[in-house]
């Protein structure tokens, strides 16, 4: 059986990377409860992006990873523009669900902007930190650089996202209240980062396989 080429594998990972970003934005407005903590359902999609960039940086290097981040940024900008157009176009008279449509997608606009800023800054840090720890450990301990870079980057991401997306949307959303949301959300992301460590090893091995 012919094995998949490395270039094809990278294309698949890029597709999954972009899909996880878009899914996190459009699905993230729904809140669920896990272990008694209220979190966005986007928590299941967004960690995939850090998993993939760590795999790519380990095998392909930081320049390739930067191209992934740039692709994700462009995808989010395009989605933002298309969402703006879709929201503000006047509905046809025979379309009865415009109010519901606006509830879903207008709330997504601020989240997409927040995600765009948070994504760019957190992924930039993640690329730098992963490379920094790789040099410090002389290429050993993949689990260490994967988790150290992701844990800090996820805190940056959660903090920037929460403040841009939710600060002052109602009097309830004060600085203190937003931090009370950030901490449990970030802890869940840390748990996901630790749990996906075997997937990083498996993904790196898969990427390195010869054709």
Protein backbone atom coordinates (compact mmCIF):
# COMPACT_ATOMS: atom_id res chain seq x y z
CA UNK A 1 0.00 0.00 0.00
CA UNK A 2 1.39 3.37 -1.03
CA UNK A 3 2.04 5.73 1.88
CA UNK A 4 0.83 9.32 1.84
CA UNK A 5 3.50 11.90 1.01
CA UNK A 6 4.65 14.37 3.65
CA UNK A 7 3.35 17.26 1.53
CA UNK A 8 -0.11 15.67 1.47
CA UNK A 9 0.00 15.19 5.24
CA UNK A 10 0.88 18.86 5.71
CA UNK A 11 -2.08 19.84 3.49
CA UNK A 12 -4.42 17.71 5.63
CA UNK A 13 -3.10 19.30 8.82
CA UNK A 14 -3.51 22.80 7.36
CA UNK A 15 -7.14 22.00 6.55
CA UNK A 16 -7.75 20.73 10.09
CA UNK A 17 -5.96 23.76 11.52
CA UNK A 18 -8.15 26.27 9.67
CA UNK A 19 -11.30 24.22 10.36
CA UNK A 20 -10.59 24.21 14.11
CA UNK A 21 -10.22 28.01 14.16
CA UNK A 22 -13.46 28.63 12.27
CA UNK A 23 -15.35 26.03 14.33
CA UNK A 24 -14.15 27.59 17.59
CA UNK A 25 -15.50 30.98 16.50
CA UNK A 26 -18.87 29.93 15.16
CA UNK A 27 -19.63 27.33 17.81
CA UNK A 28 -18.05 29.15 20.73
CA UNK A 29 -21.02 31.34 21.68
CA UNK A 30 -22.73 28.35 23.30
CA UNK A 31 -21.89 27.73 26.95
CA UNK A 32 -21.90 24.27 28.49
CA UNK A 33 -21.01 22.92 31.94
CA UNK A 34 -18.13 20.49 32.47
CA UNK A 35 -17.35 19.30 36.00
CA UNK A 36 -19.45 22.14 37.36
CA UNK A 37 -17.60 24.82 35.39
CA UNK A 38 -19.25 26.88 32.64
CA UNK A 39 -17.13 26.89 29.49
CA UNK A 40 -17.59 27.63 25.81
CA UNK A 41 -18.05 24.60 23.57
CA UNK A 42 -15.25 26.14 21.48
CA UNK A 43 -12.87 24.64 24.04
CA UNK A 44 -13.05 21.37 22.11
CA UNK A 45 -11.99 22.94 18.80
CA UNK A 46 -9.35 25.57 19.59
CA UNK A 47 -6.73 23.34 21.31
CA UNK A 48 -6.48 21.41 18.03
CA UNK A 49 -4.76 24.44 16.48
CA UNK A 50 -1.94 24.37 19.08
CA UNK A 51 -1.59 20.61 18.73
CA UNK A 52 -1.12 20.96 14.97
CA UNK A 53 1.31 23.89 15.08
CA UNK A 54 3.48 22.04 17.61
CA UNK A 55 3.57 19.02 15.31
CA UNK A 56 4.46 21.16 12.31
CA UNK A 57 7.15 23.13 14.14
CA UNK A 58 8.77 19.97 15.50
CA UNK A 59 9.09 18.39 12.04
CA UNK A 60 9.02 21.27 9.54
CA UNK A 61 10.46 24.16 11.53
CA UNK A 62 9.20 27.54 12.67
CA UNK A 63 9.05 29.17 9.21
CA UNK A 64 6.55 26.57 8.01
CA UNK A 65 4.58 27.06 11.24
CA UNK A 66 4.46 30.81 10.62
CA UNK A 67 2.87 30.09 7.23
CA UNK A 68 0.22 28.01 9.00
CA UNK A 69 -0.50 30.91 11.35
CA UNK A 70 -0.67 33.34 8.43
CA UNK A 71 -3.12 31.01 6.65
CA UNK A 72 -5.26 30.89 9.79
CA UNK A 73 -5.17 34.68 10.10
CA UNK A 74 -6.25 35.14 6.48
CA UNK A 75 -9.03 32.58 6.91
CA UNK A 76 -10.38 34.40 9.97
CA UNK A 77 -10.26 37.77 8.19
CA UNK A 78 -12.18 36.33 5.22
CA UNK A 79 -14.76 34.76 7.56
CA UNK A 80 -15.12 38.09 9.39
CA UNK A 81 -15.74 39.99 6.13
CA UNK A 82 -18.24 37.40 4.86
CA UNK A 83 -20.04 37.40 8.20
CA UNK A 84 -20.30 41.20 8.15
CA UNK A 85 -21.74 41.13 4.64
CA UNK A 86 -24.18 38.36 5.52
CA UNK A 87 -25.39 40.05 8.71
CA UNK A 88 -26.00 43.47 7.19
CA UNK A 89 -27.59 42.40 3.90
CA UNK A 90 -31.35 42.96 3.96
CA UNK A 91 -33.22 39.63 4.13
CA UNK A 92 -35.69 38.60 1.46
CA UNK A 93 -39.33 38.98 2.45
CA UNK A 94 -39.83 35.21 2.29
CA UNK A 95 -36.97 34.57 4.77
CA UNK A 96 -38.61 34.39 8.24
CA UNK A 97 -35.58 33.70 10.42
CA UNK A 98 -33.51 36.87 10.15
CA UNK A 99 -33.89 37.75 13.85
CA UNK A 100 -32.57 34.34 14.85
CA UNK A 101 -29.82 34.59 12.23
CA UNK A 102 -28.69 37.92 13.71
CA UNK A 103 -28.70 36.53 17.24
CA UNK A 104 -26.29 33.78 16.19
CA UNK A 105 -24.00 35.60 13.79
CA UNK A 106 -23.95 39.13 15.22
CA UNK A 107 -22.67 37.70 18.48
CA UNK A 108 -20.02 35.89 16.45
CA UNK A 109 -18.63 39.16 15.03
CA UNK A 110 -17.08 40.41 18.28
CA UNK A 111 -15.87 36.90 19.02
CA UNK A 112 -14.18 36.65 15.62
CA UNK A 113 -12.39 39.98 16.16
CA UNK A 114 -11.35 38.85 19.65
CA UNK A 115 -10.20 35.52 18.30
CA UNK A 116 -8.25 37.18 15.50
CA UNK A 117 -6.20 39.28 17.91
CA UNK A 118 -5.81 36.53 20.52
CA UNK A 119 -4.93 33.91 17.91
CA UNK A 120 -2.21 36.04 16.31
CA UNK A 121 -0.50 36.99 19.58
CA UNK A 122 -0.79 33.59 21.27
CA UNK A 123 0.40 31.64 18.24
CA UNK A 124 3.32 34.04 17.76
CA UNK A 125 4.33 33.35 21.36
CA UNK A 126 3.78 29.62 20.94
CA UNK A 127 6.12 29.45 17.93
CA UNK A 128 8.80 31.42 19.79
CA UNK A 129 8.46 29.43 23.04
CA UNK A 130 8.44 26.03 21.32
CA UNK A 131 11.62 26.93 19.44
CA UNK A 132 13.20 28.40 22.59
CA UNK A 133 12.64 25.22 24.62
CA UNK A 134 13.72 23.04 21.71
CA UNK A 135 17.07 24.81 21.66
CA UNK A 136 17.41 24.70 25.45
CA UNK A 137 16.74 20.94 25.54
CA UNK A 138 18.84 20.30 22.41
CA UNK A 139 15.91 18.68 20.65
CA UNK A 140 14.98 16.34 23.52
CA UNK A 141 11.85 16.21 25.67
CA UNK A 142 9.17 16.98 23.10
CA UNK A 143 6.54 16.61 25.83
CA UNK A 144 8.18 19.44 27.81
CA UNK A 145 8.33 22.05 25.06
CA UNK A 146 4.88 21.06 23.79
CA UNK A 147 3.30 21.66 27.19
CA UNK A 148 5.36 24.65 28.35
CA UNK A 149 4.78 26.60 25.15
CA UNK A 150 1.09 25.72 24.98
CA UNK A 151 0.27 26.42 28.64
CA UNK A 152 1.60 29.99 28.51
CA UNK A 153 0.22 30.61 25.02
CA UNK A 154 -3.23 29.42 26.06
CA UNK A 155 -3.22 31.85 28.98
CA UNK A 156 -2.34 34.69 26.61
CA UNK A 157 -5.06 33.54 24.23
CA UNK A 158 -7.75 33.17 26.91
CA UNK A 159 -6.99 36.52 28.54
CA UNK A 160 -6.93 38.57 25.33
CA UNK A 161 -9.96 36.80 23.91
CA UNK A 162 -12.11 37.16 27.02
CA UNK A 163 -11.40 40.87 27.46
CA UNK A 164 -12.02 41.79 23.82
CA UNK A 165 -15.06 39.53 23.46
CA UNK A 166 -16.84 40.20 26.76
CA UNK A 167 -15.46 43.17 28.70
CA UNK A 168 -18.27 45.61 29.59
CA UNK A 169 -20.90 43.94 27.39
CA UNK A 170 -23.05 44.20 30.54
CA UNK A 171 -22.25 45.75 33.94
CA UNK A 172 -21.60 42.22 35.22
CA UNK A 173 -18.51 41.80 33.01
CA UNK A 174 -15.95 43.62 35.13
CA UNK A 175 -12.21 42.89 35.17
CA UNK A 176 -12.60 40.65 38.21
CA UNK A 177 -15.51 38.73 36.75
CA UNK A 178 -13.70 38.13 33.48
CA UNK A 179 -10.66 36.76 35.32
CA UNK A 180 -13.01 34.45 37.21
CA UNK A 181 -13.99 33.10 33.77
CA UNK A 182 -10.43 32.99 32.42
CA UNK A 183 -8.88 30.85 35.16
CA UNK A 184 -11.14 27.76 34.95
CA UNK A 185 -11.23 28.04 31.15
CA UNK A 186 -7.43 28.14 31.06
CA UNK A 187 -7.18 25.18 33.44
CA UNK A 188 -9.34 23.14 31.08
CA UNK A 189 -7.00 24.09 28.24
CA UNK A 190 -4.01 22.95 30.31
CA UNK A 191 -5.74 19.62 30.86
CA UNK A 192 -6.34 19.28 27.11
CA UNK A 193 -2.68 20.14 26.42
CA UNK A 194 -1.46 17.44 28.79
CA UNK A 195 -3.93 14.86 27.48
CA UNK A 196 -3.03 15.51 23.83
CA UNK A 197 0.73 14.92 24.43
CA UNK A 198 0.52 11.34 23.07
CA UNK A 199 -1.20 12.75 19.98
CA UNK A 200 1.73 15.12 19.43
CA UNK A 201 4.16 12.19 19.52
CA UNK A 202 1.94 10.15 17.20
CA UNK A 203 1.53 13.09 14.81
CA UNK A 204 5.25 13.82 14.71
CA UNK A 205 5.98 10.15 13.98
CA UNK A 206 3.33 10.14 11.24
CA UNK A 207 4.76 13.28 9.63
CA UNK A 208 8.30 11.87 9.65
CA UNK A 209 7.37 8.58 7.99
CA UNK A 210 8.94 8.17 4.58
CA UNK A 211 6.77 7.93 1.48
